[in-house]
Amino acid sequence: MLKAQSIHKSYGNLHVLKGVDLEIAKGEIVSIVGKSGAGKSTLLHILGTLDRPDTGTLMINDTDVFKLGQKQLANFRNKNIGFIFQFHHLLPEFTALENVCIPAYIDGKNETAAESRAKELLSYLGLSDRIKHRPSELSGGEQQRVAVARALMNNPAVVFADEPSGNLDSESSQDLHQLLFKLRDDFQQTFIIVTHNEELANMSDRKLVMQDGLL
């Protein structure tokens, strides 16, 4: 489903990624761990097409993504990739429902279809009674579940999560971990997670340790 080969990335004289090879199957939950500065977030941004490598290839669902033009790549990203970040990045002026609908609107879906899909996701995530609430009216755990719903809005091939539970209390963190595995079990959703949370890493199908720019 995802295959990266010989990914190199430098910033000036700093060689951050030194030939990373990685293959992920559909329905896998893979955690990437390692010390600060090892290159985890740089790799996640490249795998998520938010940044380009200096050299190397990335195939997602048989598409050589870095051969796409900028507009084509943005469209591909919106349709095929979801993101969950440590800080949820919800738009404060919009309701939970409106925040979840944003990727569908970008994809050109009409309002009725977008809201129907968003309501299904929010209901699945236990937020059906919170859809009209703005982020400031939600708990941290609820905000992160809204962010999960937004990431799933366009049925992505893969969801990238960068420290998804890093800003949550222990109970909300545990709930989020269980949710990710439920999504994998129920929908064969693929997750690639950068995390310092050993519990989440050890629960994953694979735990990959990044050291000095290599896995």
N, C-alpha and C. Protein backbone atom coordinates (compact mmCIF):
# COMPACT_ATOMS: atom_id res chain seq x y z
N MET A 1 0.83 -1.21 0.00
CA MET A 1 0.00 0.00 0.00
C MET A 1 0.86 1.26 0.00
N LEU A 2 1.92 1.26 0.84
CA LEU A 2 2.88 2.37 0.86
C LEU A 2 4.28 1.77 0.82
N LYS A 3 5.11 2.32 -0.08
CA LYS A 3 6.48 1.83 -0.20
C LYS A 3 7.41 3.01 -0.43
N ALA A 4 8.33 3.22 0.50
CA ALA A 4 9.34 4.26 0.37
C ALA A 4 10.69 3.59 0.16
N GLN A 5 11.48 4.15 -0.76
CA GLN A 5 12.78 3.57 -1.06
C GLN A 5 13.85 4.65 -1.09
N SER A 6 14.90 4.41 -0.34
CA SER A 6 16.11 5.24 -0.34
C SER A 6 15.79 6.72 -0.17
N ILE A 7 15.03 7.04 0.88
CA ILE A 7 14.65 8.42 1.15
C ILE A 7 15.80 9.15 1.85
N HIS A 8 16.28 10.20 1.20
CA HIS A 8 17.32 11.06 1.77
C HIS A 8 16.77 12.47 1.90
N LYS A 9 17.15 13.14 3.00
CA LYS A 9 16.75 14.53 3.20
C LYS A 9 17.82 15.24 4.02
N SER A 10 18.26 16.38 3.49
CA SER A 10 19.22 17.21 4.20
C SER A 10 18.68 18.63 4.34
N TYR A 11 19.11 19.29 5.40
CA TYR A 11 18.86 20.71 5.59
C TYR A 11 20.22 21.37 5.75
N GLY A 12 20.69 22.02 4.70
CA GLY A 12 22.04 22.55 4.71
C GLY A 12 23.03 21.40 4.82
N ASN A 13 23.91 21.47 5.81
CA ASN A 13 24.91 20.42 6.01
C ASN A 13 24.41 19.28 6.90
N LEU A 14 23.17 19.41 7.37
CA LEU A 14 22.62 18.39 8.27
C LEU A 14 21.89 17.32 7.46
N HIS A 15 22.44 16.12 7.42
CA HIS A 15 21.86 15.00 6.69
C HIS A 15 20.89 14.28 7.64
N VAL A 16 19.60 14.55 7.50
CA VAL A 16 18.61 14.07 8.49
C VAL A 16 18.18 12.64 8.19
N LEU A 17 17.80 12.37 6.95
CA LEU A 17 17.40 11.02 6.55
C LEU A 17 18.46 10.46 5.61
N LYS A 18 18.90 9.23 5.87
CA LYS A 18 20.09 8.71 5.21
C LYS A 18 19.82 7.42 4.43
N GLY A 19 18.71 7.42 3.71
CA GLY A 19 18.40 6.25 2.89
C GLY A 19 17.37 5.34 3.54
N VAL A 20 16.24 5.91 3.91
CA VAL A 20 15.19 5.16 4.61
C VAL A 20 14.40 4.31 3.61
N ASP A 21 14.22 3.04 3.94
CA ASP A 21 13.36 2.13 3.19
C ASP A 21 12.23 1.68 4.12
N LEU A 22 11.01 1.68 3.62
CA LEU A 22 9.87 1.35 4.45
C LEU A 22 8.73 0.84 3.59
N GLU A 23 8.08 -0.23 4.03
CA GLU A 23 6.92 -0.76 3.32
C GLU A 23 5.81 -1.04 4.33
N ILE A 24 4.62 -0.53 4.03
CA ILE A 24 3.47 -0.65 4.93
C ILE A 24 2.34 -1.33 4.18
N ALA A 25 1.72 -2.32 4.80
CA ALA A 25 0.58 -3.01 4.21
C ALA A 25 -0.73 -2.37 4.67
N LYS A 26 -1.77 -2.54 3.88
CA LYS A 26 -3.09 -2.03 4.25
C LYS A 26 -3.53 -2.64 5.58
N GLY A 27 -4.06 -1.80 6.46
CA GLY A 27 -4.57 -2.28 7.73
C GLY A 27 -3.53 -2.40 8.83
N GLU A 28 -2.30 -2.01 8.55
CA GLU A 28 -1.26 -2.06 9.57
C GLU A 28 -1.28 -0.80 10.44
N ILE A 29 -0.91 -0.96 11.69
CA ILE A 29 -0.60 0.17 12.56
C ILE A 29 0.88 0.08 12.87
N VAL A 30 1.64 1.04 12.38
CA VAL A 30 3.09 1.05 12.53
C VAL A 30 3.50 2.28 13.33
N SER A 31 4.25 2.08 14.40
CA SER A 31 4.75 3.18 15.21
C SER A 31 6.23 3.40 14.92
N ILE A 32 6.61 4.66 14.83
CA ILE A 32 8.01 5.04 14.65
C ILE A 32 8.45 5.76 15.92
N VAL A 33 9.47 5.22 16.55
CA VAL A 33 9.97 5.78 17.80
C VAL A 33 11.45 6.13 17.65
N GLY A 34 11.97 6.88 18.59
CA GLY A 34 13.39 7.24 18.55
C GLY A 34 13.62 8.53 19.31
N LYS A 35 14.88 8.83 19.55
CA LYS A 35 15.23 10.02 20.30
C LYS A 35 14.91 11.28 19.51
N SER A 36 14.77 12.38 20.22
CA SER A 36 14.56 13.67 19.57
C SER A 36 15.72 13.96 18.63
N GLY A 37 15.40 14.41 17.42
CA GLY A 37 16.43 14.70 16.43
C GLY A 37 16.81 13.54 15.55
N ALA A 38 16.16 12.38 15.75
CA ALA A 38 16.52 11.20 14.95
C ALA A 38 15.96 11.26 13.53
N GLY A 39 14.99 12.16 13.29
CA GLY A 39 14.44 12.29 11.95
C GLY A 39 13.02 11.78 11.79
N LYS A 40 12.35 11.48 12.91
CA LYS A 40 11.01 10.88 12.86
C LYS A 40 10.00 11.79 12.19
N SER A 41 9.91 13.02 12.64
CA SER A 41 8.91 13.94 12.08
C SER A 41 9.24 14.31 10.65
N THR A 42 10.54 14.44 10.33
CA THR A 42 10.93 14.70 8.94
C THR A 42 10.45 13.57 8.05
N LEU A 43 10.64 12.34 8.48
CA LEU A 43 10.17 11.19 7.69
C LEU A 43 8.65 11.21 7.56
N LEU A 44 7.95 11.49 8.66
CA LEU A 44 6.49 11.52 8.61
C LEU A 44 5.99 12.57 7.62
N HIS A 45 6.62 13.73 7.61
CA HIS A 45 6.21 14.79 6.69
C HIS A 45 6.45 14.40 5.23
N ILE A 46 7.53 13.67 4.98
CA ILE A 46 7.79 13.21 3.60
C ILE A 46 6.82 12.11 3.21
N LEU A 47 6.59 11.14 4.09
CA LEU A 47 5.64 10.07 3.78
C LEU A 47 4.23 10.62 3.58
N GLY A 48 3.91 11.71 4.31
CA GLY A 48 2.61 12.34 4.17
C GLY A 48 2.54 13.36 3.05
N THR A 49 3.62 13.49 2.27
CA THR A 49 3.73 14.38 1.10
C THR A 49 3.68 15.85 1.47
N LEU A 50 3.91 16.18 2.75
CA LEU A 50 3.97 17.58 3.15
C LEU A 50 5.33 18.19 2.82
N ASP A 51 6.32 17.34 2.59
CA ASP A 51 7.66 17.76 2.21
C ASP A 51 8.18 16.76 1.19
N ARG A 52 9.17 17.16 0.43
CA ARG A 52 9.74 16.30 -0.60
C ARG A 52 11.14 15.86 -0.18
N PRO A 53 11.53 14.63 -0.50
CA PRO A 53 12.89 14.19 -0.21
C PRO A 53 13.87 14.79 -1.22
N ASP A 54 15.14 14.79 -0.87
CA ASP A 54 16.17 15.19 -1.84
C ASP A 54 16.30 14.12 -2.92
N THR A 55 16.28 12.87 -2.49
CA THR A 55 16.28 11.73 -3.42
C THR A 55 15.44 10.62 -2.82
N GLY A 56 15.00 9.70 -3.66
CA GLY A 56 14.20 8.58 -3.20
C GLY A 56 12.81 8.60 -3.81
N THR A 57 12.09 7.50 -3.65
CA THR A 57 10.75 7.37 -4.23
C THR A 57 9.75 7.00 -3.14
N LEU A 58 8.51 7.40 -3.38
CA LEU A 58 7.40 7.07 -2.47
C LEU A 58 6.20 6.67 -3.31
N MET A 59 5.77 5.43 -3.15
CA MET A 59 4.59 4.91 -3.83
C MET A 59 3.48 4.75 -2.80
N ILE A 60 2.31 5.33 -3.10
CA ILE A 60 1.12 5.13 -2.28
C ILE A 60 0.01 4.66 -3.20
N ASN A 61 -0.50 3.46 -2.93
CA ASN A 61 -1.53 2.87 -3.80
C ASN A 61 -1.14 2.94 -5.27
N ASP A 62 0.10 2.52 -5.56
CA ASP A 62 0.63 2.41 -6.92
C ASP A 62 0.82 3.76 -7.62
N THR A 63 0.77 4.85 -6.87
CA THR A 63 1.04 6.17 -7.44
C THR A 63 2.41 6.65 -6.96
N ASP A 64 3.27 7.01 -7.91
CA ASP A 64 4.58 7.58 -7.59
C ASP A 64 4.35 9.06 -7.28
N VAL A 65 4.16 9.36 -6.00
CA VAL A 65 3.56 10.64 -5.61
C VAL A 65 4.43 11.84 -5.96
N PHE A 66 5.74 11.68 -5.89
CA PHE A 66 6.59 12.84 -6.13
C PHE A 66 6.86 13.10 -7.61
N LYS A 67 6.22 12.33 -8.46
CA LYS A 67 6.20 12.66 -9.88
C LYS A 67 4.98 13.51 -10.25
N LEU A 68 4.10 13.73 -9.27
CA LEU A 68 2.92 14.56 -9.48
C LEU A 68 3.31 16.03 -9.39
N GLY A 69 2.60 16.88 -10.16
CA GLY A 69 2.77 18.32 -10.02
C GLY A 69 2.20 18.79 -8.71
N GLN A 70 2.46 20.04 -8.38
CA GLN A 70 2.07 20.56 -7.07
C GLN A 70 0.56 20.48 -6.85
N LYS A 71 -0.23 20.87 -7.85
CA LYS A 71 -1.69 20.83 -7.71
C LYS A 71 -2.19 19.39 -7.67
N GLN A 72 -1.63 18.53 -8.52
CA GLN A 72 -2.01 17.12 -8.52
C GLN A 72 -1.69 16.48 -7.17
N LEU A 73 -0.53 16.84 -6.61
CA LEU A 73 -0.13 16.26 -5.33
C LEU A 73 -1.06 16.73 -4.22
N ALA A 74 -1.46 17.99 -4.24
CA ALA A 74 -2.40 18.49 -3.23
C ALA A 74 -3.73 17.76 -3.32
N ASN A 75 -4.21 17.51 -4.53
CA ASN A 75 -5.46 16.76 -4.71
C ASN A 75 -5.32 15.32 -4.23
N PHE A 76 -4.17 14.71 -4.56
CA PHE A 76 -3.92 13.34 -4.13
C PHE A 76 -3.90 13.26 -2.61
N ARG A 77 -3.22 14.22 -1.98
CA ARG A 77 -3.11 14.24 -0.52
C ARG A 77 -4.50 14.35 0.12
N ASN A 78 -5.32 15.23 -0.39
CA ASN A 78 -6.65 15.43 0.19
C ASN A 78 -7.51 14.18 0.08
N LYS A 79 -7.38 13.44 -1.02
CA LYS A 79 -8.21 12.26 -1.24
C LYS A 79 -7.67 11.01 -0.55
N ASN A 80 -6.36 10.93 -0.36
CA ASN A 80 -5.76 9.65 0.03
C ASN A 80 -5.06 9.64 1.39
N ILE A 81 -4.86 10.83 1.98
CA ILE A 81 -4.06 10.90 3.19
C ILE A 81 -4.80 11.71 4.27
N GLY A 82 -4.79 11.17 5.48
CA GLY A 82 -5.34 11.89 6.62
C GLY A 82 -4.24 12.19 7.62
N PHE A 83 -4.45 13.24 8.42
CA PHE A 83 -3.44 13.66 9.40
C PHE A 83 -4.09 13.87 10.76
N ILE A 84 -3.39 13.41 11.80
CA ILE A 84 -3.76 13.70 13.18
C ILE A 84 -2.50 14.23 13.85
N PHE A 85 -2.60 15.40 14.45
CA PHE A 85 -1.43 16.02 15.07
C PHE A 85 -1.61 16.07 16.59
N GLN A 86 -0.51 16.34 17.28
CA GLN A 86 -0.56 16.47 18.74
C GLN A 86 -1.52 17.58 19.14
N PHE A 87 -1.43 18.71 18.46
CA PHE A 87 -2.38 19.80 18.67
C PHE A 87 -3.38 19.72 17.51
N HIS A 88 -4.63 19.60 17.85
CA HIS A 88 -5.67 19.16 16.90
C HIS A 88 -5.84 20.07 15.70
N HIS A 89 -5.47 21.36 15.80
CA HIS A 89 -5.58 22.31 14.68
C HIS A 89 -7.01 22.43 14.15
N LEU A 90 -7.98 22.36 15.04
CA LEU A 90 -9.36 22.63 14.63
C LEU A 90 -9.54 24.14 14.48
N LEU A 91 -10.39 24.54 13.55
CA LEU A 91 -10.65 25.97 13.36
C LEU A 91 -11.64 26.43 14.43
N PRO A 92 -11.26 27.39 15.27
CA PRO A 92 -12.05 27.71 16.46
C PRO A 92 -13.41 28.32 16.17
N GLU A 93 -13.57 28.95 15.00
CA GLU A 93 -14.84 29.60 14.69
C GLU A 93 -15.87 28.64 14.13
N PHE A 94 -15.47 27.41 13.83
CA PHE A 94 -16.37 26.43 13.24
C PHE A 94 -16.80 25.38 14.26
N THR A 95 -17.97 24.78 14.04
CA THR A 95 -18.43 23.70 14.90
C THR A 95 -17.67 22.42 14.59
N ALA A 96 -17.87 21.42 15.44
CA ALA A 96 -17.25 20.11 15.20
C ALA A 96 -17.66 19.59 13.82
N LEU A 97 -18.94 19.67 13.51
CA LEU A 97 -19.43 19.20 12.21
C LEU A 97 -18.75 19.93 11.06
N GLU A 98 -18.66 21.24 11.16
CA GLU A 98 -18.06 22.03 10.10
C GLU A 98 -16.57 21.72 9.94
N ASN A 99 -15.86 21.53 11.05
CA ASN A 99 -14.45 21.18 10.98
C ASN A 99 -14.24 19.85 10.26
N VAL A 100 -15.08 18.88 10.56
CA VAL A 100 -14.94 17.56 9.95
C VAL A 100 -15.25 17.61 8.45
N CYS A 101 -16.15 18.49 8.06
CA CYS A 101 -16.57 18.58 6.65
C CYS A 101 -15.51 19.20 5.74
N ILE A 102 -14.55 19.91 6.30
CA ILE A 102 -13.62 20.70 5.47
C ILE A 102 -12.92 19.89 4.38
N PRO A 103 -12.35 18.70 4.68
CA PRO A 103 -11.70 17.95 3.59
C PRO A 103 -12.65 17.58 2.45
N ALA A 104 -13.91 17.31 2.80
CA ALA A 104 -14.90 16.97 1.76
C ALA A 104 -15.22 18.17 0.89
N TYR A 105 -15.31 19.35 1.52
CA TYR A 105 -15.56 20.56 0.74
C TYR A 105 -14.40 20.84 -0.21
N ILE A 106 -13.18 20.63 0.27
CA ILE A 106 -12.01 20.82 -0.59
C ILE A 106 -12.05 19.85 -1.77
N ASP A 107 -12.58 18.66 -1.52
CA ASP A 107 -12.68 17.64 -2.57
C ASP A 107 -13.85 17.89 -3.52
N GLY A 108 -14.65 18.91 -3.24
CA GLY A 108 -15.74 19.26 -4.14
C GLY A 108 -17.05 18.56 -3.86
N LYS A 109 -17.17 17.87 -2.73
CA LYS A 109 -18.42 17.21 -2.40
C LYS A 109 -19.46 18.26 -1.98
N ASN A 110 -20.73 17.95 -2.26
CA ASN A 110 -21.77 18.91 -1.90
C ASN A 110 -22.03 18.87 -0.40
N GLU A 111 -22.70 19.89 0.09
CA GLU A 111 -22.88 20.06 1.53
C GLU A 111 -23.67 18.90 2.15
N THR A 112 -24.71 18.42 1.47
CA THR A 112 -25.53 17.34 2.01
C THR A 112 -24.71 16.07 2.19
N ALA A 113 -23.95 15.70 1.16
CA ALA A 113 -23.13 14.48 1.23
C ALA A 113 -22.05 14.62 2.29
N ALA A 114 -21.43 15.81 2.36
CA ALA A 114 -20.36 16.03 3.34
C ALA A 114 -20.91 15.93 4.76
N GLU A 115 -22.03 16.58 5.03
CA GLU A 115 -22.58 16.56 6.39
C GLU A 115 -23.05 15.17 6.78
N SER A 116 -23.58 14.42 5.83
CA SER A 116 -24.01 13.06 6.13
C SER A 116 -22.83 12.19 6.56
N ARG A 117 -21.75 12.27 5.80
CA ARG A 117 -20.53 11.51 6.14
C ARG A 117 -19.97 11.98 7.49
N ALA A 118 -19.92 13.28 7.72
CA ALA A 118 -19.37 13.81 8.96
C ALA A 118 -20.20 13.36 10.16
N LYS A 119 -21.51 13.37 10.03
CA LYS A 119 -22.37 12.94 11.13
C LYS A 119 -22.17 11.46 11.43
N GLU A 120 -21.98 10.64 10.39
CA GLU A 120 -21.71 9.21 10.60
C GLU A 120 -20.43 9.02 11.40
N LEU A 121 -19.39 9.75 11.02
CA LEU A 121 -18.11 9.61 11.71
C LEU A 121 -18.21 10.10 13.15
N LEU A 122 -18.82 11.24 13.36
CA LEU A 122 -18.92 11.78 14.71
C LEU A 122 -19.77 10.88 15.60
N SER A 123 -20.81 10.28 15.03
CA SER A 123 -21.62 9.34 15.79
C SER A 123 -20.79 8.11 16.16
N TYR A 124 -20.04 7.58 15.21
CA TYR A 124 -19.18 6.42 15.45
C TYR A 124 -18.19 6.72 16.57
N LEU A 125 -17.72 7.95 16.61
CA LEU A 125 -16.72 8.34 17.60
C LEU A 125 -17.33 8.84 18.91
N GLY A 126 -18.65 8.68 19.04
CA GLY A 126 -19.32 9.02 20.30
C GLY A 126 -19.55 10.50 20.51
N LEU A 127 -19.65 11.25 19.40
CA LEU A 127 -19.79 12.70 19.51
C LEU A 127 -21.07 13.22 18.86
N SER A 128 -22.06 12.38 18.70
CA SER A 128 -23.28 12.80 18.01
C SER A 128 -24.00 13.95 18.72
N ASP A 129 -23.80 14.06 20.02
CA ASP A 129 -24.44 15.14 20.78
C ASP A 129 -23.56 16.39 20.89
N ARG A 130 -22.42 16.39 20.18
CA ARG A 130 -21.48 17.51 20.28
C ARG A 130 -21.23 18.17 18.92
N ILE A 131 -22.00 17.81 17.92
CA ILE A 131 -21.67 18.26 16.56
C ILE A 131 -21.83 19.77 16.37
N LYS A 132 -22.66 20.41 17.18
CA LYS A 132 -22.86 21.85 17.05
C LYS A 132 -21.92 22.66 17.95
N HIS A 133 -21.09 21.98 18.70
CA HIS A 133 -20.19 22.65 19.63
C HIS A 133 -18.91 23.08 18.92
N ARG A 134 -18.40 24.23 19.31
CA ARG A 134 -17.12 24.71 18.80
C ARG A 134 -15.99 24.11 19.64
N PRO A 135 -14.76 24.11 19.13
CA PRO A 135 -13.66 23.47 19.86
C PRO A 135 -13.51 23.92 21.30
N SER A 136 -13.72 25.22 21.57
CA SER A 136 -13.55 25.72 22.94
C SER A 136 -14.58 25.13 23.90
N GLU A 137 -15.63 24.54 23.37
CA GLU A 137 -16.69 23.94 24.19
C GLU A 137 -16.50 22.43 24.35
N LEU A 138 -15.39 21.91 23.84
CA LEU A 138 -15.11 20.48 23.90
C LEU A 138 -13.91 20.21 24.79
N SER A 139 -13.88 19.03 25.39
CA SER A 139 -12.70 18.62 26.16
C SER A 139 -11.55 18.30 25.21
N GLY A 140 -10.35 18.15 25.77
CA GLY A 140 -9.20 17.81 24.93
C GLY A 140 -9.40 16.50 24.18
N GLY A 141 -9.94 15.51 24.87
CA GLY A 141 -10.19 14.22 24.22
C GLY A 141 -11.24 14.32 23.12
N GLU A 142 -12.27 15.12 23.36
CA GLU A 142 -13.30 15.32 22.34
C GLU A 142 -12.75 16.05 21.12
N GLN A 143 -11.91 17.05 21.38
CA GLN A 143 -11.30 17.78 20.27
C GLN A 143 -10.45 16.84 19.41
N GLN A 144 -9.71 15.95 20.05
CA GLN A 144 -8.87 15.04 19.28
C GLN A 144 -9.70 14.04 18.51
N ARG A 145 -10.84 13.63 19.03
CA ARG A 145 -11.73 12.73 18.27
C ARG A 145 -12.34 13.44 17.07
N VAL A 146 -12.63 14.73 17.21
CA VAL A 146 -13.08 15.50 16.06
C VAL A 146 -11.96 15.53 15.00
N ALA A 147 -10.72 15.70 15.45
CA ALA A 147 -9.60 15.69 14.53
C ALA A 147 -9.45 14.34 13.84
N VAL A 148 -9.72 13.26 14.57
CA VAL A 148 -9.70 11.92 13.97
C VAL A 148 -10.78 11.81 12.89
N ALA A 149 -11.98 12.29 13.21
CA ALA A 149 -13.07 12.26 12.22
C ALA A 149 -12.69 13.05 10.97
N ARG A 150 -12.10 14.21 11.16
CA ARG A 150 -11.66 15.01 10.01
C ARG A 150 -10.63 14.25 9.17
N ALA A 151 -9.71 13.56 9.82
CA ALA A 151 -8.69 12.79 9.10
C ALA A 151 -9.31 11.67 8.28
N LEU A 152 -10.44 11.13 8.75
CA LEU A 152 -11.08 10.00 8.08
C LEU A 152 -12.12 10.42 7.04
N MET A 153 -12.37 11.71 6.92
CA MET A 153 -13.50 12.22 6.15
C MET A 153 -13.54 11.70 4.72
N ASN A 154 -12.40 11.67 4.04
CA ASN A 154 -12.38 11.27 2.63
C ASN A 154 -11.95 9.82 2.43
N ASN A 155 -12.12 8.98 3.46
CA ASN A 155 -11.74 7.57 3.37
C ASN A 155 -10.30 7.41 2.90
N PRO A 156 -9.33 7.97 3.62
CA PRO A 156 -7.95 7.96 3.15
C PRO A 156 -7.34 6.56 3.13
N ALA A 157 -6.35 6.40 2.26
CA ALA A 157 -5.62 5.14 2.23
C ALA A 157 -4.79 4.96 3.50
N VAL A 158 -4.28 6.06 4.03
CA VAL A 158 -3.41 6.00 5.21
C VAL A 158 -3.61 7.27 6.04
N VAL A 159 -3.52 7.10 7.35
CA VAL A 159 -3.57 8.24 8.28
C VAL A 159 -2.22 8.33 8.98
N PHE A 160 -1.63 9.52 8.95
CA PHE A 160 -0.38 9.80 9.65
C PHE A 160 -0.70 10.54 10.94
N ALA A 161 -0.10 10.08 12.02
CA ALA A 161 -0.36 10.68 13.32
C ALA A 161 0.97 11.06 13.97
N ASP A 162 1.13 12.33 14.31
CA ASP A 162 2.36 12.83 14.92
C ASP A 162 2.07 13.13 16.39
N GLU A 163 2.53 12.24 17.27
CA GLU A 163 2.28 12.35 18.72
C GLU A 163 0.80 12.62 19.00
N PRO A 164 -0.10 11.75 18.52
CA PRO A 164 -1.54 12.06 18.61
C PRO A 164 -2.07 12.16 20.03
N SER A 165 -1.42 11.49 20.98
CA SER A 165 -1.90 11.54 22.37
C SER A 165 -1.00 12.38 23.26
N GLY A 166 -0.05 13.09 22.65
CA GLY A 166 0.93 13.83 23.44
C GLY A 166 0.37 14.98 24.22
N ASN A 167 -0.81 15.48 23.85
CA ASN A 167 -1.40 16.63 24.53
C ASN A 167 -2.63 16.24 25.36
N LEU A 168 -2.78 14.93 25.61
CA LEU A 168 -3.97 14.44 26.31
C LEU A 168 -3.60 13.90 27.69
N ASP A 169 -4.59 13.93 28.59
CA ASP A 169 -4.37 13.28 29.88
C ASP A 169 -4.35 11.77 29.70
N SER A 170 -3.98 11.04 30.73
CA SER A 170 -3.76 9.60 30.59
C SER A 170 -5.03 8.85 30.17
N GLU A 171 -6.19 9.24 30.73
CA GLU A 171 -7.43 8.57 30.37
C GLU A 171 -7.80 8.83 28.92
N SER A 172 -7.72 10.09 28.47
CA SER A 172 -8.04 10.42 27.08
C SER A 172 -7.04 9.78 26.13
N SER A 173 -5.78 9.71 26.57
CA SER A 173 -4.75 9.07 25.76
C SER A 173 -5.07 7.60 25.53
N GLN A 174 -5.45 6.91 26.59
CA GLN A 174 -5.82 5.50 26.49
C GLN A 174 -7.03 5.32 25.58
N ASP A 175 -8.01 6.20 25.72
CA ASP A 175 -9.20 6.12 24.87
C ASP A 175 -8.83 6.28 23.39
N LEU A 176 -7.91 7.21 23.11
CA LEU A 176 -7.49 7.43 21.72
C LEU A 176 -6.77 6.21 21.17
N HIS A 177 -5.90 5.62 21.96
CA HIS A 177 -5.18 4.43 21.51
C HIS A 177 -6.16 3.31 21.15
N GLN A 178 -7.14 3.09 22.02
CA GLN A 178 -8.13 2.05 21.75
C GLN A 178 -8.93 2.37 20.49
N LEU A 179 -9.21 3.65 20.28
CA LEU A 179 -9.95 4.08 19.10
C LEU A 179 -9.19 3.76 17.82
N LEU A 180 -7.90 4.02 17.80
CA LEU A 180 -7.11 3.76 16.60
C LEU A 180 -7.17 2.28 16.22
N PHE A 181 -7.09 1.41 17.22
CA PHE A 181 -7.14 -0.02 16.93
C PHE A 181 -8.55 -0.46 16.53
N LYS A 182 -9.54 0.17 17.09
CA LYS A 182 -10.92 -0.14 16.67
C LYS A 182 -11.14 0.25 15.21
N LEU A 183 -10.59 1.39 14.82
CA LEU A 183 -10.71 1.83 13.42
C LEU A 183 -10.00 0.85 12.49
N ARG A 184 -8.85 0.35 12.92
CA ARG A 184 -8.16 -0.65 12.11
C ARG A 184 -8.99 -1.93 12.00
N ASP A 185 -9.53 -2.37 13.12
CA ASP A 185 -10.29 -3.62 13.13
C ASP A 185 -11.60 -3.50 12.35
N ASP A 186 -12.28 -2.37 12.49
CA ASP A 186 -13.59 -2.20 11.85
C ASP A 186 -13.49 -1.83 10.37
N PHE A 187 -12.46 -1.06 9.99
CA PHE A 187 -12.40 -0.51 8.63
C PHE A 187 -11.09 -0.80 7.91
N GLN A 188 -10.21 -1.61 8.51
CA GLN A 188 -8.90 -1.87 7.91
C GLN A 188 -8.14 -0.57 7.62
N GLN A 189 -8.29 0.41 8.52
CA GLN A 189 -7.60 1.68 8.34
C GLN A 189 -6.12 1.52 8.68
N THR A 190 -5.29 2.10 7.85
CA THR A 190 -3.83 2.05 8.03
C THR A 190 -3.37 3.30 8.78
N PHE A 191 -2.50 3.10 9.78
CA PHE A 191 -1.95 4.22 10.55
C PHE A 191 -0.44 4.12 10.60
N ILE A 192 0.22 5.26 10.42
CA ILE A 192 1.65 5.39 10.68
C ILE A 192 1.80 6.48 11.74
N ILE A 193 2.38 6.12 12.87
CA ILE A 193 2.35 6.99 14.05
C ILE A 193 3.77 7.27 14.54
N VAL A 194 4.10 8.54 14.69
CA VAL A 194 5.30 8.94 15.42
C VAL A 194 4.89 9.17 16.86
N THR A 195 5.56 8.50 17.79
CA THR A 195 5.13 8.60 19.18
C THR A 195 6.28 8.36 20.14
N HIS A 196 6.20 9.01 21.31
CA HIS A 196 7.07 8.71 22.43
C HIS A 196 6.34 7.83 23.45
N ASN A 197 5.08 7.51 23.17
CA ASN A 197 4.28 6.73 24.10
C ASN A 197 4.59 5.25 23.93
N GLU A 198 5.29 4.68 24.88
CA GLU A 198 5.72 3.28 24.75
C GLU A 198 4.55 2.32 24.72
N GLU A 199 3.50 2.64 25.45
CA GLU A 199 2.32 1.77 25.45
C GLU A 199 1.73 1.67 24.05
N LEU A 200 1.54 2.82 23.39
CA LEU A 200 1.00 2.82 22.04
C LEU A 200 1.95 2.11 21.08
N ALA A 201 3.24 2.40 21.19
CA ALA A 201 4.22 1.77 20.31
C ALA A 201 4.22 0.26 20.45
N ASN A 202 4.13 -0.23 21.69
CA ASN A 202 4.17 -1.67 21.92
C ASN A 202 2.88 -2.36 21.51
N MET A 203 1.77 -1.62 21.46
CA MET A 203 0.50 -2.18 21.00
C MET A 203 0.45 -2.31 19.48
N SER A 204 1.27 -1.55 18.79
CA SER A 204 1.22 -1.49 17.33
C SER A 204 1.63 -2.82 16.70
N ASP A 205 1.25 -3.00 15.44
CA ASP A 205 1.65 -4.21 14.73
C ASP A 205 3.16 -4.27 14.56
N ARG A 206 3.76 -3.10 14.34
CA ARG A 206 5.23 -3.02 14.25
C ARG A 206 5.71 -1.75 14.94
N LYS A 207 6.81 -1.86 15.64
CA LYS A 207 7.47 -0.70 16.23
C LYS A 207 8.83 -0.56 15.55
N LEU A 208 9.02 0.56 14.87
CA LEU A 208 10.27 0.81 14.15
C LEU A 208 11.06 1.88 14.90
N VAL A 209 12.30 1.60 15.19
CA VAL A 209 13.15 2.51 15.93
C VAL A 209 14.02 3.29 14.95
N MET A 210 13.93 4.61 15.02
CA MET A 210 14.72 5.47 14.16
C MET A 210 15.97 5.91 14.90
N GLN A 211 17.11 5.69 14.27
CA GLN A 211 18.39 6.07 14.86
C GLN A 211 19.26 6.71 13.79
N ASP A 212 19.67 7.94 14.04
CA ASP A 212 20.62 8.63 13.17
C ASP A 212 20.16 8.62 11.71
N GLY A 213 18.87 8.88 11.49
CA GLY A 213 18.35 9.03 10.13
C GLY A 213 18.04 7.74 9.41
N LEU A 214 18.05 6.61 10.13
CA LEU A 214 17.75 5.32 9.52
C LEU A 214 16.77 4.55 10.41
N LEU A 215 15.98 3.69 9.77
CA LEU A 215 15.08 2.80 10.52
C LEU A 215 15.76 1.46 10.71
